[in-house]
Amino acid sequence: MAGAIKVLIADDHPIFRHGLKQIIERASQIVVVDEAGDGETAWQRLRATEADVAILDVDMPGRDGFELARAAREARLAVAIVFLTMHKDEHFLNQALDLDVSGYVVKDSALTEIVECIRTVAAGREYVSPQLTGFLIGNRRRAHQVHSSSSAGALTAIERRVLKEVAAYKSNRQIADQLCLSVRTIEHHRARISQKLELEGHHALLKFALEHQSEW
């Protein structure tokens, strides 16, 4: 299927994996190109298959999702990593975000969320199960509270507007269209905001925008 999003699924529960595959392939322009039932096989398939999105169960025999995400990052594989997990606690979510994974989906809502997640991360944005959004908003608030309250005042009006759109999970292209600016200008604004707020990491700007979205 030309132009389709290519997906790899790695989960050690074959019935769940089969159900997930069926849901995914009902969607237009998404195709499952490979599967794996354990971490070691998943790593072999991940390197051999040119998948756009890899959906990895966090808890797998052989290598778990965290090991695979680290290995993929070290190997500079051009694939968006999505964690699929039963864990709903803040600790696991923070570990995943620290690895710069693109998505984090809770298994009990995966069948209804997975297609949206795939499309979101394939477009270069991040996706976290809505039931965990509260963690995104508050997971590092205490650590950043004093710093952010003083630094946010240094932002210009346009930078605050960009942050507002970031908090709405919009891509650079969507923000550019919304503000009638070029994508390159939006990228510059995002870089300047991160510099001013001393934010580092792929998800840091999104987390800051969500934490302070009532201010923009």
N, C-alpha and C. Protein backbone atom coordinates (compact mmCIF):
# COMPACT_ATOMS: atom_id res chain seq x y z
N MET A 1 0.84 -1.19 0.00
CA MET A 1 0.00 0.00 0.00
C MET A 1 0.89 1.25 0.00
N ALA A 2 0.94 1.91 -1.12
CA ALA A 2 1.83 3.06 -1.27
C ALA A 2 1.44 4.18 -0.32
N GLY A 3 2.45 4.73 0.36
CA GLY A 3 2.23 5.85 1.26
C GLY A 3 1.65 5.48 2.61
N ALA A 4 1.46 4.19 2.87
CA ALA A 4 0.87 3.76 4.13
C ALA A 4 1.88 3.86 5.26
N ILE A 5 1.38 4.04 6.48
CA ILE A 5 2.22 4.02 7.67
C ILE A 5 2.52 2.56 8.00
N LYS A 6 3.81 2.22 8.08
CA LYS A 6 4.21 0.84 8.33
C LYS A 6 4.43 0.63 9.82
N VAL A 7 3.80 -0.42 10.36
CA VAL A 7 3.80 -0.65 11.81
C VAL A 7 4.36 -2.01 12.15
N LEU A 8 5.16 -2.06 13.21
CA LEU A 8 5.62 -3.31 13.79
C LEU A 8 4.99 -3.45 15.17
N ILE A 9 4.46 -4.64 15.49
CA ILE A 9 3.85 -4.89 16.80
C ILE A 9 4.67 -5.94 17.53
N ALA A 10 5.06 -5.63 18.76
CA ALA A 10 5.78 -6.60 19.60
C ALA A 10 5.05 -6.75 20.92
N ASP A 11 4.46 -7.93 21.13
CA ASP A 11 3.73 -8.22 22.37
C ASP A 11 3.73 -9.73 22.55
N ASP A 12 3.96 -10.18 23.78
CA ASP A 12 4.09 -11.62 24.00
C ASP A 12 2.76 -12.34 24.21
N HIS A 13 1.65 -11.61 24.08
CA HIS A 13 0.33 -12.24 24.17
C HIS A 13 -0.28 -12.32 22.77
N PRO A 14 -0.24 -13.50 22.13
CA PRO A 14 -0.66 -13.61 20.72
C PRO A 14 -2.11 -13.21 20.46
N ILE A 15 -3.01 -13.49 21.39
CA ILE A 15 -4.42 -13.14 21.17
C ILE A 15 -4.58 -11.62 21.17
N PHE A 16 -3.95 -10.96 22.13
CA PHE A 16 -4.01 -9.50 22.18
C PHE A 16 -3.35 -8.90 20.94
N ARG A 17 -2.19 -9.45 20.57
CA ARG A 17 -1.46 -8.94 19.40
C ARG A 17 -2.30 -9.07 18.14
N HIS A 18 -2.99 -10.21 18.00
CA HIS A 18 -3.83 -10.43 16.82
C HIS A 18 -4.99 -9.43 16.79
N GLY A 19 -5.60 -9.20 17.96
CA GLY A 19 -6.71 -8.24 18.02
C GLY A 19 -6.26 -6.83 17.68
N LEU A 20 -5.09 -6.47 18.18
CA LEU A 20 -4.54 -5.15 17.89
C LEU A 20 -4.27 -5.00 16.39
N LYS A 21 -3.71 -6.04 15.80
CA LYS A 21 -3.41 -6.01 14.37
C LYS A 21 -4.69 -5.81 13.55
N GLN A 22 -5.76 -6.51 13.93
CA GLN A 22 -7.01 -6.38 13.21
C GLN A 22 -7.55 -4.95 13.27
N ILE A 23 -7.49 -4.37 14.46
CA ILE A 23 -7.96 -2.99 14.62
C ILE A 23 -7.15 -2.03 13.75
N ILE A 24 -5.83 -2.19 13.79
CA ILE A 24 -4.94 -1.31 13.03
C ILE A 24 -5.19 -1.41 11.54
N GLU A 25 -5.33 -2.63 11.04
CA GLU A 25 -5.44 -2.81 9.59
C GLU A 25 -6.82 -2.49 9.04
N ARG A 26 -7.78 -2.23 9.92
CA ARG A 26 -9.07 -1.73 9.46
C ARG A 26 -8.99 -0.26 9.08
N ALA A 27 -7.99 0.41 9.62
CA ALA A 27 -7.81 1.84 9.34
C ALA A 27 -7.16 2.02 7.96
N SER A 28 -7.49 3.10 7.30
CA SER A 28 -6.92 3.36 5.99
C SER A 28 -5.48 3.84 6.11
N GLN A 29 -4.66 3.45 5.16
CA GLN A 29 -3.28 3.91 5.05
C GLN A 29 -2.40 3.53 6.25
N ILE A 30 -2.72 2.42 6.92
CA ILE A 30 -1.87 1.87 7.97
C ILE A 30 -1.76 0.37 7.73
N VAL A 31 -0.56 -0.16 7.77
CA VAL A 31 -0.37 -1.59 7.54
C VAL A 31 0.64 -2.15 8.54
N VAL A 32 0.34 -3.33 9.09
CA VAL A 32 1.27 -4.02 9.98
C VAL A 32 2.23 -4.82 9.11
N VAL A 33 3.50 -4.47 9.17
CA VAL A 33 4.49 -5.12 8.30
C VAL A 33 5.24 -6.24 9.00
N ASP A 34 5.17 -6.29 10.35
CA ASP A 34 5.87 -7.36 11.06
C ASP A 34 5.35 -7.47 12.49
N GLU A 35 5.60 -8.64 13.10
CA GLU A 35 5.18 -8.89 14.46
C GLU A 35 6.28 -9.63 15.21
N ALA A 36 6.23 -9.56 16.54
CA ALA A 36 7.18 -10.31 17.37
C ALA A 36 6.51 -10.63 18.70
N GLY A 37 6.90 -11.78 19.27
CA GLY A 37 6.32 -12.22 20.52
C GLY A 37 7.26 -12.14 21.70
N ASP A 38 8.49 -11.69 21.45
CA ASP A 38 9.46 -11.51 22.54
C ASP A 38 10.43 -10.40 22.17
N GLY A 39 11.17 -9.93 23.17
CA GLY A 39 12.03 -8.78 22.96
C GLY A 39 13.18 -9.01 22.00
N GLU A 40 13.78 -10.19 22.03
CA GLU A 40 14.91 -10.45 21.16
C GLU A 40 14.47 -10.50 19.70
N THR A 41 13.35 -11.18 19.45
CA THR A 41 12.81 -11.21 18.08
C THR A 41 12.40 -9.82 17.64
N ALA A 42 11.84 -9.06 18.56
CA ALA A 42 11.42 -7.69 18.24
C ALA A 42 12.62 -6.86 17.79
N TRP A 43 13.76 -7.01 18.47
CA TRP A 43 14.95 -6.26 18.10
C TRP A 43 15.44 -6.65 16.72
N GLN A 44 15.43 -7.93 16.40
CA GLN A 44 15.84 -8.39 15.07
C GLN A 44 14.91 -7.84 14.00
N ARG A 45 13.60 -7.89 14.25
CA ARG A 45 12.63 -7.39 13.27
C ARG A 45 12.71 -5.87 13.14
N LEU A 46 12.98 -5.22 14.27
CA LEU A 46 13.06 -3.76 14.26
C LEU A 46 14.19 -3.28 13.36
N ARG A 47 15.30 -3.99 13.39
CA ARG A 47 16.44 -3.62 12.55
C ARG A 47 16.24 -4.00 11.09
N ALA A 48 15.51 -5.09 10.86
CA ALA A 48 15.35 -5.61 9.50
C ALA A 48 14.18 -4.98 8.75
N THR A 49 13.17 -4.54 9.48
CA THR A 49 11.95 -4.01 8.87
C THR A 49 11.95 -2.49 8.91
N GLU A 50 11.67 -1.86 7.82
CA GLU A 50 11.64 -0.39 7.77
C GLU A 50 10.28 0.12 8.25
N ALA A 51 10.01 -0.12 9.52
CA ALA A 51 8.74 0.32 10.10
C ALA A 51 8.81 1.81 10.42
N ASP A 52 7.69 2.50 10.28
CA ASP A 52 7.59 3.90 10.66
C ASP A 52 7.29 4.02 12.15
N VAL A 53 6.50 3.07 12.65
CA VAL A 53 6.08 3.07 14.05
C VAL A 53 6.27 1.67 14.62
N ALA A 54 6.89 1.58 15.80
CA ALA A 54 7.05 0.30 16.49
C ALA A 54 6.26 0.35 17.79
N ILE A 55 5.30 -0.56 17.93
CA ILE A 55 4.49 -0.65 19.15
C ILE A 55 5.09 -1.76 20.00
N LEU A 56 5.66 -1.39 21.15
CA LEU A 56 6.41 -2.33 21.97
C LEU A 56 5.75 -2.51 23.33
N ASP A 57 5.46 -3.76 23.67
CA ASP A 57 5.00 -4.07 25.02
C ASP A 57 6.16 -3.79 25.98
N VAL A 58 5.89 -3.10 27.06
CA VAL A 58 6.95 -2.80 28.02
C VAL A 58 7.49 -4.06 28.66
N ASP A 59 6.59 -5.01 28.99
CA ASP A 59 6.99 -6.24 29.68
C ASP A 59 6.99 -7.41 28.71
N MET A 60 8.17 -7.75 28.21
CA MET A 60 8.33 -8.88 27.30
C MET A 60 9.51 -9.73 27.73
N PRO A 61 9.47 -11.04 27.48
CA PRO A 61 10.65 -11.86 27.75
C PRO A 61 11.78 -11.53 26.78
N GLY A 62 13.00 -11.75 27.20
CA GLY A 62 14.16 -11.46 26.35
C GLY A 62 14.64 -10.04 26.59
N ARG A 63 14.04 -9.10 25.92
CA ARG A 63 14.32 -7.68 26.12
C ARG A 63 13.00 -6.97 26.35
N ASP A 64 12.97 -6.10 27.37
CA ASP A 64 11.72 -5.38 27.59
C ASP A 64 11.69 -4.12 26.71
N GLY A 65 10.57 -3.41 26.77
CA GLY A 65 10.41 -2.24 25.92
C GLY A 65 11.45 -1.16 26.16
N PHE A 66 11.85 -1.00 27.43
CA PHE A 66 12.85 0.02 27.74
C PHE A 66 14.20 -0.31 27.10
N GLU A 67 14.59 -1.57 27.17
CA GLU A 67 15.84 -1.98 26.54
C GLU A 67 15.80 -1.75 25.03
N LEU A 68 14.67 -2.10 24.42
CA LEU A 68 14.53 -1.93 22.97
C LEU A 68 14.56 -0.46 22.58
N ALA A 69 13.91 0.39 23.37
CA ALA A 69 13.90 1.83 23.07
C ALA A 69 15.31 2.41 23.16
N ARG A 70 16.06 2.00 24.19
CA ARG A 70 17.44 2.48 24.32
C ARG A 70 18.28 2.02 23.14
N ALA A 71 18.12 0.74 22.76
CA ALA A 71 18.91 0.20 21.66
C ALA A 71 18.56 0.90 20.35
N ALA A 72 17.28 1.17 20.12
CA ALA A 72 16.86 1.86 18.91
C ALA A 72 17.42 3.26 18.84
N ARG A 73 17.45 3.94 19.99
CA ARG A 73 18.00 5.29 20.03
C ARG A 73 19.50 5.28 19.76
N GLU A 74 20.21 4.33 20.38
CA GLU A 74 21.66 4.24 20.18
C GLU A 74 21.99 3.89 18.73
N ALA A 75 21.14 3.07 18.10
CA ALA A 75 21.35 2.68 16.71
C ALA A 75 20.82 3.72 15.73
N ARG A 76 20.21 4.78 16.25
CA ARG A 76 19.64 5.86 15.44
C ARG A 76 18.64 5.35 14.40
N LEU A 77 17.80 4.42 14.83
CA LEU A 77 16.78 3.90 13.93
C LEU A 77 15.69 4.96 13.72
N ALA A 78 15.30 5.14 12.48
CA ALA A 78 14.30 6.16 12.14
C ALA A 78 12.90 5.57 12.33
N VAL A 79 12.54 5.33 13.58
CA VAL A 79 11.24 4.74 13.88
C VAL A 79 10.67 5.42 15.12
N ALA A 80 9.38 5.67 15.11
CA ALA A 80 8.71 6.24 16.29
C ALA A 80 8.34 5.09 17.22
N ILE A 81 8.78 5.18 18.47
CA ILE A 81 8.52 4.13 19.44
C ILE A 81 7.27 4.45 20.26
N VAL A 82 6.37 3.47 20.34
CA VAL A 82 5.18 3.57 21.18
C VAL A 82 5.22 2.46 22.22
N PHE A 83 5.13 2.82 23.49
CA PHE A 83 5.06 1.83 24.55
C PHE A 83 3.61 1.41 24.78
N LEU A 84 3.42 0.11 24.91
CA LEU A 84 2.12 -0.47 25.18
C LEU A 84 2.25 -1.17 26.53
N THR A 85 1.43 -0.80 27.51
CA THR A 85 1.68 -1.30 28.86
C THR A 85 0.43 -1.34 29.73
N MET A 86 0.49 -2.19 30.75
CA MET A 86 -0.56 -2.22 31.77
C MET A 86 -0.29 -1.19 32.86
N HIS A 87 0.94 -0.66 32.90
CA HIS A 87 1.33 0.24 33.97
C HIS A 87 0.71 1.63 33.78
N LYS A 88 0.04 2.10 34.83
CA LYS A 88 -0.61 3.41 34.77
C LYS A 88 0.00 4.39 35.77
N ASP A 89 1.15 4.04 36.32
CA ASP A 89 1.73 4.91 37.34
C ASP A 89 2.71 5.90 36.74
N GLU A 90 2.96 6.94 37.50
CA GLU A 90 3.79 8.06 37.05
C GLU A 90 5.23 7.65 36.81
N HIS A 91 5.72 6.71 37.62
CA HIS A 91 7.12 6.29 37.51
C HIS A 91 7.42 5.73 36.13
N PHE A 92 6.58 4.83 35.65
CA PHE A 92 6.81 4.23 34.34
C PHE A 92 6.66 5.26 33.23
N LEU A 93 5.69 6.14 33.36
CA LEU A 93 5.50 7.17 32.33
C LEU A 93 6.72 8.07 32.24
N ASN A 94 7.25 8.49 33.39
CA ASN A 94 8.43 9.36 33.38
C ASN A 94 9.64 8.65 32.77
N GLN A 95 9.80 7.38 33.08
CA GLN A 95 10.90 6.61 32.50
C GLN A 95 10.77 6.58 30.98
N ALA A 96 9.56 6.38 30.49
CA ALA A 96 9.33 6.33 29.05
C ALA A 96 9.64 7.68 28.40
N LEU A 97 9.17 8.76 29.01
CA LEU A 97 9.39 10.08 28.44
C LEU A 97 10.87 10.46 28.46
N ASP A 98 11.58 10.00 29.48
CA ASP A 98 13.02 10.26 29.54
C ASP A 98 13.77 9.57 28.41
N LEU A 99 13.17 8.51 27.85
CA LEU A 99 13.78 7.82 26.72
C LEU A 99 13.36 8.43 25.38
N ASP A 100 12.55 9.49 25.44
CA ASP A 100 12.06 10.16 24.24
C ASP A 100 11.20 9.26 23.36
N VAL A 101 10.45 8.34 23.98
CA VAL A 101 9.51 7.56 23.17
C VAL A 101 8.42 8.50 22.67
N SER A 102 7.81 8.15 21.56
CA SER A 102 6.82 9.04 20.96
C SER A 102 5.42 8.84 21.50
N GLY A 103 5.15 7.62 22.02
CA GLY A 103 3.80 7.35 22.51
C GLY A 103 3.80 6.42 23.71
N TYR A 104 2.75 6.54 24.52
CA TYR A 104 2.59 5.70 25.71
C TYR A 104 1.11 5.38 25.81
N VAL A 105 0.76 4.11 25.54
CA VAL A 105 -0.64 3.71 25.49
C VAL A 105 -0.91 2.63 26.52
N VAL A 106 -1.95 2.83 27.31
CA VAL A 106 -2.35 1.85 28.32
C VAL A 106 -3.15 0.74 27.64
N LYS A 107 -2.84 -0.50 27.99
CA LYS A 107 -3.43 -1.63 27.27
C LYS A 107 -4.95 -1.68 27.35
N ASP A 108 -5.52 -1.31 28.49
CA ASP A 108 -6.97 -1.47 28.61
C ASP A 108 -7.75 -0.48 27.75
N SER A 109 -7.06 0.48 27.14
CA SER A 109 -7.73 1.39 26.21
C SER A 109 -7.07 1.36 24.83
N ALA A 110 -6.15 0.42 24.63
CA ALA A 110 -5.37 0.38 23.39
C ALA A 110 -6.23 0.17 22.15
N LEU A 111 -7.24 -0.67 22.23
CA LEU A 111 -8.04 -0.98 21.05
C LEU A 111 -8.81 0.23 20.53
N THR A 112 -9.08 1.19 21.41
CA THR A 112 -9.79 2.39 20.98
C THR A 112 -8.85 3.55 20.68
N GLU A 113 -7.62 3.47 21.18
CA GLU A 113 -6.68 4.60 21.02
C GLU A 113 -5.59 4.37 20.00
N ILE A 114 -5.32 3.10 19.66
CA ILE A 114 -4.08 2.80 18.94
C ILE A 114 -3.99 3.44 17.57
N VAL A 115 -5.09 3.52 16.85
CA VAL A 115 -5.05 4.11 15.50
C VAL A 115 -4.72 5.60 15.58
N GLU A 116 -5.38 6.30 16.50
CA GLU A 116 -5.08 7.73 16.68
C GLU A 116 -3.63 7.92 17.10
N CYS A 117 -3.16 7.05 17.98
CA CYS A 117 -1.77 7.13 18.43
C CYS A 117 -0.81 6.96 17.26
N ILE A 118 -1.03 5.96 16.42
CA ILE A 118 -0.15 5.70 15.28
C ILE A 118 -0.12 6.90 14.35
N ARG A 119 -1.26 7.44 14.03
CA ARG A 119 -1.31 8.60 13.12
C ARG A 119 -0.60 9.81 13.76
N THR A 120 -0.77 9.98 15.06
CA THR A 120 -0.17 11.12 15.76
C THR A 120 1.35 11.05 15.75
N VAL A 121 1.90 9.89 16.14
CA VAL A 121 3.36 9.79 16.23
C VAL A 121 3.99 9.73 14.84
N ALA A 122 3.27 9.17 13.87
CA ALA A 122 3.80 9.14 12.50
C ALA A 122 3.90 10.55 11.92
N ALA A 123 3.09 11.46 12.44
CA ALA A 123 3.11 12.86 12.00
C ALA A 123 4.15 13.68 12.76
N GLY A 124 4.90 13.02 13.65
CA GLY A 124 5.96 13.71 14.37
C GLY A 124 5.54 14.32 15.69
N ARG A 125 4.34 13.99 16.16
CA ARG A 125 3.88 14.52 17.44
C ARG A 125 3.91 13.41 18.50
N GLU A 126 3.61 13.77 19.76
CA GLU A 126 3.63 12.81 20.84
C GLU A 126 2.19 12.42 21.21
N TYR A 127 2.06 11.18 21.74
CA TYR A 127 0.74 10.72 22.17
C TYR A 127 0.88 10.00 23.50
N VAL A 128 0.04 10.39 24.46
CA VAL A 128 -0.04 9.70 25.74
C VAL A 128 -1.52 9.43 26.01
N SER A 129 -1.85 8.22 26.48
CA SER A 129 -3.24 7.88 26.78
C SER A 129 -3.88 8.99 27.60
N PRO A 130 -5.06 9.47 27.21
CA PRO A 130 -5.70 10.57 27.91
C PRO A 130 -5.86 10.35 29.41
N GLN A 131 -6.03 9.10 29.83
CA GLN A 131 -6.21 8.85 31.26
C GLN A 131 -4.95 9.15 32.06
N LEU A 132 -3.80 9.36 31.36
CA LEU A 132 -2.55 9.67 32.05
C LEU A 132 -2.14 11.13 31.89
N THR A 133 -2.98 11.93 31.25
CA THR A 133 -2.63 13.33 31.01
C THR A 133 -2.34 14.07 32.30
N GLY A 134 -3.04 13.70 33.37
CA GLY A 134 -2.80 14.34 34.66
C GLY A 134 -1.37 14.22 35.11
N PHE A 135 -0.74 13.08 34.82
CA PHE A 135 0.67 12.90 35.17
C PHE A 135 1.54 13.84 34.36
N LEU A 136 1.21 14.01 33.06
CA LEU A 136 1.99 14.91 32.21
C LEU A 136 1.95 16.33 32.76
N ILE A 137 0.78 16.71 33.25
CA ILE A 137 0.63 18.07 33.75
C ILE A 137 1.38 18.27 35.06
N GLY A 138 1.33 17.25 35.94
CA GLY A 138 1.89 17.46 37.25
C GLY A 138 3.15 16.70 37.59
N ASN A 139 3.67 15.88 36.67
CA ASN A 139 4.74 14.95 37.04
C ASN A 139 6.04 15.61 37.46
N ARG A 140 6.32 16.83 36.96
CA ARG A 140 7.55 17.48 37.39
C ARG A 140 7.30 18.92 37.85
N ARG A 141 6.08 19.17 38.26
CA ARG A 141 5.70 20.53 38.63
C ARG A 141 6.55 21.06 39.78
N ARG A 142 6.75 20.24 40.78
CA ARG A 142 7.51 20.70 41.94
C ARG A 142 8.94 21.09 41.56
N ALA A 143 9.54 20.27 40.67
CA ALA A 143 10.93 20.53 40.30
C ALA A 143 11.08 21.82 39.50
N HIS A 144 10.03 22.19 38.73
CA HIS A 144 10.13 23.34 37.84
C HIS A 144 9.38 24.57 38.35
N GLN A 145 8.66 24.42 39.46
CA GLN A 145 7.74 25.48 39.86
C GLN A 145 8.41 26.83 40.05
N VAL A 146 9.48 26.88 40.84
CA VAL A 146 10.15 28.14 41.11
C VAL A 146 10.79 28.70 39.86
N HIS A 147 11.48 27.82 39.12
CA HIS A 147 12.18 28.28 37.91
C HIS A 147 11.21 28.78 36.85
N SER A 148 10.15 28.01 36.60
CA SER A 148 9.25 28.36 35.49
C SER A 148 8.48 29.64 35.77
N SER A 149 8.11 29.86 37.02
CA SER A 149 7.32 31.05 37.32
C SER A 149 8.09 32.33 37.01
N SER A 150 9.41 32.31 37.19
CA SER A 150 10.21 33.50 36.89
C SER A 150 10.59 33.56 35.42
N SER A 151 10.89 32.40 34.83
CA SER A 151 11.35 32.38 33.44
C SER A 151 10.23 32.65 32.44
N ALA A 152 9.01 32.20 32.76
CA ALA A 152 7.90 32.37 31.82
C ALA A 152 7.63 33.84 31.53
N GLY A 153 7.98 34.71 32.47
CA GLY A 153 7.76 36.13 32.26
C GLY A 153 8.62 36.71 31.16
N ALA A 154 9.66 35.99 30.77
CA ALA A 154 10.56 36.47 29.72
C ALA A 154 10.03 36.16 28.32
N LEU A 155 8.94 35.41 28.24
CA LEU A 155 8.41 35.02 26.93
C LEU A 155 7.65 36.18 26.28
N THR A 156 7.78 36.29 24.97
CA THR A 156 7.04 37.30 24.23
C THR A 156 5.61 36.83 24.00
N ALA A 157 4.77 37.71 23.50
CA ALA A 157 3.37 37.38 23.24
C ALA A 157 3.26 36.25 22.22
N ILE A 158 4.07 36.30 21.16
CA ILE A 158 4.00 35.27 20.13
C ILE A 158 4.50 33.93 20.68
N GLU A 159 5.50 33.97 21.56
CA GLU A 159 6.00 32.73 22.15
C GLU A 159 4.94 32.10 23.05
N ARG A 160 4.20 32.93 23.76
CA ARG A 160 3.12 32.41 24.59
C ARG A 160 2.01 31.80 23.72
N ARG A 161 1.77 32.41 22.57
CA ARG A 161 0.75 31.88 21.66
C ARG A 161 1.21 30.52 21.10
N VAL A 162 2.49 30.42 20.78
CA VAL A 162 3.02 29.14 20.30
C VAL A 162 2.86 28.07 21.37
N LEU A 163 3.17 28.42 22.62
CA LEU A 163 3.01 27.47 23.72
C LEU A 163 1.56 27.01 23.86
N LYS A 164 0.64 27.92 23.66
CA LYS A 164 -0.79 27.57 23.74
C LYS A 164 -1.13 26.51 22.70
N GLU A 165 -0.59 26.65 21.49
CA GLU A 165 -0.87 25.69 20.43
C GLU A 165 -0.14 24.37 20.68
N VAL A 166 1.05 24.44 21.26
CA VAL A 166 1.78 23.22 21.62
C VAL A 166 0.98 22.41 22.63
N ALA A 167 0.38 23.10 23.60
CA ALA A 167 -0.44 22.43 24.62
C ALA A 167 -1.67 21.77 24.02
N ALA A 168 -2.07 22.20 22.82
CA ALA A 168 -3.20 21.60 22.12
C ALA A 168 -2.74 20.46 21.22
N TYR A 169 -1.48 20.04 21.38
CA TYR A 169 -0.89 18.91 20.64
C TYR A 169 -0.84 19.18 19.13
N LYS A 170 -0.65 20.43 18.75
CA LYS A 170 -0.58 20.75 17.32
C LYS A 170 0.85 20.62 16.81
N SER A 171 0.98 20.22 15.57
CA SER A 171 2.29 20.10 14.94
C SER A 171 2.80 21.48 14.54
N ASN A 172 4.07 21.54 14.16
CA ASN A 172 4.64 22.81 13.70
C ASN A 172 3.88 23.34 12.49
N ARG A 173 3.51 22.46 11.59
CA ARG A 173 2.77 22.88 10.40
C ARG A 173 1.42 23.46 10.78
N GLN A 174 0.72 22.81 11.70
CA GLN A 174 -0.59 23.31 12.12
C GLN A 174 -0.46 24.66 12.82
N ILE A 175 0.56 24.81 13.65
CA ILE A 175 0.77 26.08 14.35
C ILE A 175 1.10 27.18 13.34
N ALA A 176 1.95 26.84 12.38
CA ALA A 176 2.32 27.81 11.35
C ALA A 176 1.10 28.30 10.58
N ASP A 177 0.22 27.36 10.21
CA ASP A 177 -0.99 27.73 9.48
C ASP A 177 -1.91 28.58 10.36
N GLN A 178 -2.00 28.22 11.64
CA GLN A 178 -2.87 28.94 12.57
C GLN A 178 -2.41 30.39 12.75
N LEU A 179 -1.08 30.58 12.82
CA LEU A 179 -0.54 31.91 13.09
C LEU A 179 -0.08 32.64 11.83
N CYS A 180 -0.30 32.02 10.66
CA CYS A 180 0.09 32.61 9.37
C CYS A 180 1.60 32.89 9.33
N LEU A 181 2.37 31.92 9.80
CA LEU A 181 3.83 32.02 9.79
C LEU A 181 4.39 30.80 9.08
N SER A 182 5.70 30.81 8.83
CA SER A 182 6.33 29.66 8.20
C SER A 182 6.67 28.62 9.26
N VAL A 183 6.82 27.38 8.82
CA VAL A 183 7.19 26.30 9.73
C VAL A 183 8.56 26.59 10.35
N ARG A 184 9.45 27.15 9.55
CA ARG A 184 10.78 27.46 10.05
C ARG A 184 10.71 28.50 11.18
N THR A 185 9.82 29.46 11.05
CA THR A 185 9.66 30.47 12.11
C THR A 185 9.14 29.83 13.39
N ILE A 186 8.20 28.91 13.27
CA ILE A 186 7.68 28.21 14.44
C ILE A 186 8.78 27.40 15.11
N GLU A 187 9.59 26.73 14.30
CA GLU A 187 10.71 25.96 14.85
C GLU A 187 11.66 26.89 15.62
N HIS A 188 11.88 28.08 15.08
CA HIS A 188 12.75 29.06 15.75
C HIS A 188 12.14 29.49 17.08
N HIS A 189 10.82 29.75 17.08
CA HIS A 189 10.16 30.16 18.32
C HIS A 189 10.26 29.05 19.37
N ARG A 190 10.04 27.82 18.95
CA ARG A 190 10.11 26.70 19.90
C ARG A 190 11.52 26.58 20.49
N ALA A 191 12.51 26.76 19.65
CA ALA A 191 13.89 26.68 20.13
C ALA A 191 14.19 27.80 21.12
N ARG A 192 13.69 29.01 20.82
CA ARG A 192 13.92 30.15 21.70
C ARG A 192 13.21 29.96 23.05
N ILE A 193 12.00 29.43 23.00
CA ILE A 193 11.25 29.17 24.24
C ILE A 193 12.01 28.17 25.11
N SER A 194 12.46 27.09 24.49
CA SER A 194 13.19 26.06 25.23
C SER A 194 14.48 26.63 25.82
N GLN A 195 15.14 27.50 25.06
CA GLN A 195 16.37 28.13 25.54
C GLN A 195 16.08 29.03 26.75
N LYS A 196 15.04 29.85 26.63
CA LYS A 196 14.70 30.77 27.71
C LYS A 196 14.30 30.02 28.99
N LEU A 197 13.59 28.91 28.82
CA LEU A 197 13.09 28.17 29.98
C LEU A 197 14.04 27.07 30.42
N GLU A 198 15.16 26.95 29.69
CA GLU A 198 16.17 25.93 29.99
C GLU A 198 15.55 24.53 29.97
N LEU A 199 14.77 24.27 28.93
CA LEU A 199 14.11 22.97 28.77
C LEU A 199 14.94 22.10 27.85
N GLU A 200 15.12 20.86 28.22
CA GLU A 200 15.87 19.91 27.42
C GLU A 200 15.08 18.62 27.28
N GLY A 201 15.21 17.97 26.13
CA GLY A 201 14.51 16.71 25.91
C GLY A 201 13.35 16.90 24.96
N HIS A 202 13.01 15.82 24.26
CA HIS A 202 12.01 15.86 23.20
C HIS A 202 10.63 16.29 23.71
N HIS A 203 10.29 15.89 24.94
CA HIS A 203 8.95 16.15 25.46
C HIS A 203 8.90 17.32 26.44
N ALA A 204 10.04 17.94 26.73
CA ALA A 204 10.09 18.96 27.78
C ALA A 204 9.18 20.15 27.48
N LEU A 205 9.17 20.61 26.23
CA LEU A 205 8.35 21.77 25.88
C LEU A 205 6.86 21.44 26.01
N LEU A 206 6.47 20.24 25.56
CA LEU A 206 5.08 19.83 25.67
C LEU A 206 4.66 19.76 27.14
N LYS A 207 5.50 19.19 27.98
CA LYS A 207 5.16 19.07 29.40
C LYS A 207 5.02 20.45 30.04
N PHE A 208 5.92 21.36 29.70
CA PHE A 208 5.83 22.72 30.25
C PHE A 208 4.54 23.39 29.78
N ALA A 209 4.22 23.25 28.49
CA ALA A 209 3.03 23.89 27.95
C ALA A 209 1.77 23.36 28.62
N LEU A 210 1.73 22.05 28.88
CA LEU A 210 0.56 21.46 29.53
C LEU A 210 0.46 21.91 30.99
N GLU A 211 1.59 21.98 31.67
CA GLU A 211 1.59 22.39 33.07
C GLU A 211 1.07 23.82 33.26
N HIS A 212 1.33 24.68 32.24
CA HIS A 212 1.01 26.10 32.38
C HIS A 212 -0.01 26.58 31.36
N GLN A 213 -0.80 25.66 30.80
CA GLN A 213 -1.70 26.05 29.71
C GLN A 213 -2.75 27.07 30.14
N SER A 214 -3.07 27.13 31.43
CA SER A 214 -4.04 28.13 31.89
C SER A 214 -3.48 29.54 31.85
N GLU A 215 -2.16 29.66 31.67
CA GLU A 215 -1.51 30.97 31.68
C GLU A 215 -1.42 31.59 30.29
N TRP A 216 -1.61 30.80 29.23
CA TRP A 216 -1.37 31.33 27.89
C TRP A 216 -2.60 31.99 27.30
